[in-house]
Amino acid sequence: PSLGEIIAPSLSSSGILSGFLKKYTKNKNTAKRSSCEKRANLKNNEIKKSEALIKSRYKLKPLAIKLITSLISSVQDEDTPEQEYIFSVSNFIDLAEVKGNDYYRKLEEATDELFKPFKINQNGKDWTKVNWVKKCKYRHGLGTIAFQIHEDILPLIKNLKKGNYLKYDLENILKLRGEYSIRIYELLKDAYN
C-alpha cells in the first residue's frame, strides 16, 4: 500500500482514537511501516517523564502541552532519533477538544511553540537548553502532521529506571483547559509518588 493509504485516518466504532497515531521509520528515501506500529488509545496511553523533565522550565499553551504529551506517549524504548510520529490532524483536534473554525491556525501555533528552547536543570547548577522537536511536517492532502523528537529529549522519556520518573495516563490531562492546571497536575502527581 502507498503511504497515503497507510496513514489515512480511519474512524472505528470504538471512537475517534483509532487511526490517531501511526509510527513510521524513514529508511533512506522510502517510508516504511515500523515493526512496532502503535495506535493511540486513551485507555492505555501512559506518559513517562523523567524528574528533570517534570521540573524543567518551559512555558507552553495548553494545546502545545497536549500535543507534546501525546507525542511522548507514543515513544517506545527501542525508538531512534530518526523515528517519525505521524498524527491525524482531525483526530487530534477532536481528542484535544479544540473549538472554533481556526483549529489549523491553533495547531500551527502549537507546533511553533515546540521549537522554542527551554531549560532543563541537571544537577542544580548545570542546565541545558533544548527544543521539544527537531522537525515537524504538515501534509495537507493527507491531513497529517509528522514529528521527530529532539535527540536530547529522548533520554528523558525512554528507558527510564523505576523510581526516577513520573507516570500517568494521557487522558488525565486532555480535558484540562489551562497550561497551569496541566503543570500543577504533573507536579502534584510527582509529589504524590
Protein backbone atom coordinates (compact mmCIF):
# COMPACT_ATOMS: atom_id res chain seq x y z
CA PRO A 1 0.00 0.00 0.00
CA SER A 2 1.02 3.61 -0.52
CA LEU A 3 1.97 5.85 2.40
CA GLY A 4 -1.30 7.76 1.95
CA GLU A 5 -3.33 4.56 2.25
CA ILE A 6 -1.40 3.52 5.35
CA ILE A 7 -1.73 6.76 7.32
CA ALA A 8 -5.18 7.87 6.22
CA PRO A 9 -7.24 8.36 9.38
CA SER A 10 -9.76 5.64 10.00
CA LEU A 11 -12.57 6.01 12.46
CA SER A 12 -13.90 2.91 14.09
CA SER A 13 -16.98 2.08 16.08
CA SER A 14 -14.91 2.38 19.25
CA GLY A 15 -14.42 6.12 18.71
CA ILE A 16 -12.17 8.73 17.15
CA LEU A 17 -8.95 7.32 18.53
CA SER A 18 -8.48 4.54 16.00
CA GLY A 19 -6.05 5.79 13.41
CA PHE A 20 -5.00 8.76 15.58
CA LEU A 21 -1.38 7.84 15.57
CA LYS A 22 0.81 5.60 13.50
CA LYS A 23 4.56 5.39 13.65
CA TYR A 24 6.92 5.04 10.72
CA THR A 25 10.63 4.94 10.31
CA LYS A 26 12.38 6.51 7.38
CA ASN A 27 14.78 4.27 5.53
CA LYS A 28 16.74 6.35 3.05
CA ASN A 29 14.15 7.90 0.68
CA THR A 30 11.28 5.48 1.27
CA ALA A 31 8.83 5.50 4.13
CA LYS A 32 8.40 2.14 5.76
CA ARG A 33 5.92 0.92 8.33
CA SER A 34 7.56 0.46 11.72
CA SER A 35 7.69 -3.04 13.11
CA CYS A 36 6.19 -1.63 16.32
CA GLU A 37 3.26 0.34 14.90
CA LYS A 38 1.21 1.82 17.68
CA ARG A 39 -2.23 3.38 17.61
CA ALA A 40 -3.17 5.80 20.34
CA ASN A 41 -5.73 4.52 22.80
CA LEU A 42 -6.59 6.79 25.71
CA LYS A 43 -7.24 3.86 27.99
CA ASN A 44 -3.68 2.55 27.61
CA ASN A 45 -1.59 5.62 26.74
CA GLU A 46 0.88 6.08 29.54
CA ILE A 47 3.10 9.13 29.88
CA LYS A 48 6.59 8.69 31.32
CA LYS A 49 8.75 11.74 32.03
CA SER A 50 11.99 11.93 33.97
CA GLU A 51 12.21 14.06 37.09
CA ALA A 52 14.47 16.50 35.21
CA LEU A 53 11.83 16.99 32.51
CA ILE A 54 8.98 17.43 35.01
CA LYS A 55 10.93 20.08 36.90
CA SER A 56 12.30 21.81 33.80
CA ARG A 57 11.37 25.37 32.95
CA TYR A 58 9.09 25.68 29.95
CA LYS A 59 6.05 27.72 29.05
CA LEU A 60 3.66 26.16 26.57
CA LYS A 61 0.00 26.87 25.86
CA PRO A 62 -2.44 24.04 26.65
CA LEU A 63 -2.71 22.76 23.07
CA ALA A 64 1.10 22.57 22.74
CA ILE A 65 1.33 20.69 26.07
CA LYS A 66 -1.33 18.23 24.91
CA LEU A 67 0.47 17.81 21.58
CA ILE A 68 3.90 17.08 23.09
CA THR A 69 2.37 14.86 25.78
CA SER A 70 0.52 12.84 23.12
CA LEU A 71 3.79 12.59 21.22
CA ILE A 72 5.66 11.43 24.35
CA SER A 73 3.02 8.77 25.00
CA SER A 74 3.81 7.16 21.65
CA VAL A 75 7.57 6.78 22.25
CA GLN A 76 8.85 3.24 22.66
CA ASP A 77 12.14 2.37 24.38
CA GLU A 78 13.54 0.98 21.12
CA ASP A 79 12.81 4.16 19.10
CA THR A 80 15.71 6.00 17.49
CA PRO A 81 16.15 9.76 16.97
CA GLU A 82 15.14 9.27 13.31
CA GLN A 83 11.73 7.89 14.31
CA GLU A 84 8.79 9.84 12.87
CA TYR A 85 5.48 10.06 14.68
CA ILE A 86 2.54 10.76 12.42
CA PHE A 87 -0.75 12.16 13.75
CA SER A 88 -4.10 12.51 12.03
CA VAL A 89 -4.85 16.22 12.47
CA SER A 90 -8.63 15.84 12.62
CA ASN A 91 -8.45 13.09 15.22
CA PHE A 92 -6.05 15.08 17.39
CA ILE A 93 -8.30 18.16 17.17
CA ASP A 94 -11.28 16.05 18.30
CA LEU A 95 -9.26 14.37 21.03
CA ALA A 96 -7.89 17.64 22.43
CA GLU A 97 -11.35 19.23 22.08
CA VAL A 98 -10.16 22.26 20.09
CA LYS A 99 -13.13 24.57 19.50
CA GLY A 100 -13.78 27.01 16.65
CA ASN A 101 -13.02 27.11 12.94
CA ASP A 102 -9.40 28.25 13.22
CA TYR A 103 -8.06 24.97 14.62
CA TYR A 104 -5.42 24.64 11.88
CA ARG A 105 -4.00 28.03 12.88
CA LYS A 106 -4.08 26.97 16.55
CA LEU A 107 -2.31 23.72 15.68
CA GLU A 108 0.34 25.61 13.72
CA GLU A 109 0.90 27.93 16.68
CA ALA A 110 1.20 24.90 18.98
CA THR A 111 3.83 23.32 16.72
CA ASP A 112 5.76 26.62 16.65
CA GLU A 113 5.90 26.53 20.45
CA LEU A 114 7.54 23.09 20.37
CA PHE A 115 10.56 24.66 18.63
CA LYS A 116 11.14 27.23 21.37
CA PRO A 117 14.10 26.29 23.58
CA PHE A 118 13.54 25.56 27.24
CA LYS A 119 15.88 24.89 30.14
CA ILE A 120 16.46 21.51 31.79
CA ASN A 121 18.36 21.56 35.10
CA GLN A 122 20.60 18.57 35.54
CA ASN A 123 22.11 18.76 38.99
CA GLY A 124 21.03 22.08 40.41
CA LYS A 125 23.78 24.13 38.78
CA ASP A 126 24.19 22.71 35.26
CA TRP A 127 21.47 23.18 32.67
CA THR A 128 20.83 22.50 29.01
CA LYS A 129 18.58 24.39 26.60
CA VAL A 130 16.77 22.19 24.09
CA ASN A 131 13.75 22.16 21.79
CA TRP A 132 10.99 19.57 22.13
CA VAL A 133 11.12 18.54 18.47
CA LYS A 134 13.66 18.80 15.69
CA LYS A 135 11.24 18.53 12.77
CA CYS A 136 7.55 18.99 12.07
CA LYS A 137 5.93 18.39 8.69
CA TYR A 138 2.28 19.05 7.82
CA ARG A 139 0.81 17.14 4.87
CA HIS A 140 -2.35 18.95 3.74
CA GLY A 141 -3.53 16.32 1.25
CA LEU A 142 -3.24 13.57 3.86
CA GLY A 143 -4.46 15.57 6.84
CA THR A 144 -1.45 14.50 8.90
CA ILE A 145 1.35 16.07 10.83
CA ALA A 146 4.68 14.29 11.39
CA PHE A 147 7.18 14.97 14.18
CA GLN A 148 10.70 13.96 15.10
CA ILE A 149 11.54 14.37 18.77
CA HIS A 150 14.80 16.15 19.55
CA GLU A 151 17.52 13.63 20.40
CA ASP A 152 18.29 15.40 23.71
CA ILE A 153 14.69 14.81 24.87
CA LEU A 154 14.63 11.07 24.15
CA PRO A 155 16.75 10.05 27.19
CA LEU A 156 14.28 11.95 29.39
CA ILE A 157 11.26 9.95 28.19
CA LYS A 158 12.51 6.43 27.38
CA ASN A 159 14.50 3.66 29.09
CA LEU A 160 13.67 5.21 32.45
CA LYS A 161 14.52 3.25 35.59
CA LYS A 162 11.84 2.62 38.19
CA GLY A 163 11.52 5.39 40.73
CA ASN A 164 13.17 8.24 38.82
CA TYR A 165 10.25 9.25 36.62
CA LEU A 166 6.61 10.31 36.69
CA LYS A 167 3.98 8.09 35.11
CA TYR A 168 0.33 8.96 34.40
CA ASP A 169 -2.39 8.39 31.80
CA LEU A 170 -2.73 10.74 28.83
CA GLU A 171 -6.48 11.06 29.35
CA ASN A 172 -5.85 12.74 32.73
CA ILE A 173 -4.62 15.93 31.08
CA LEU A 174 -6.52 16.08 27.80
CA LYS A 175 -9.62 17.59 29.42
CA LEU A 176 -7.69 20.22 31.39
CA ARG A 177 -8.03 23.69 29.90
CA GLY A 178 -5.16 25.77 31.21
CA GLU A 179 -1.38 25.49 30.95
CA TYR A 180 -1.02 25.88 34.71
CA SER A 181 -3.61 23.22 35.50
CA ILE A 182 -1.63 20.69 33.45
CA ARG A 183 1.69 21.65 35.05
CA ILE A 184 0.16 21.64 38.54
CA TYR A 185 -1.32 18.19 37.88
CA GLU A 186 2.14 16.88 36.92
CA LEU A 187 3.86 18.47 39.92
CA LEU A 188 1.22 17.19 42.36
CA LYS A 189 1.30 13.74 40.81
CA ASP A 190 5.11 13.76 41.10
CA ALA A 191 4.93 14.85 44.77
CA TYR A 192 2.32 12.16 45.48
CA ASN A 193 4.55 9.45 44.04
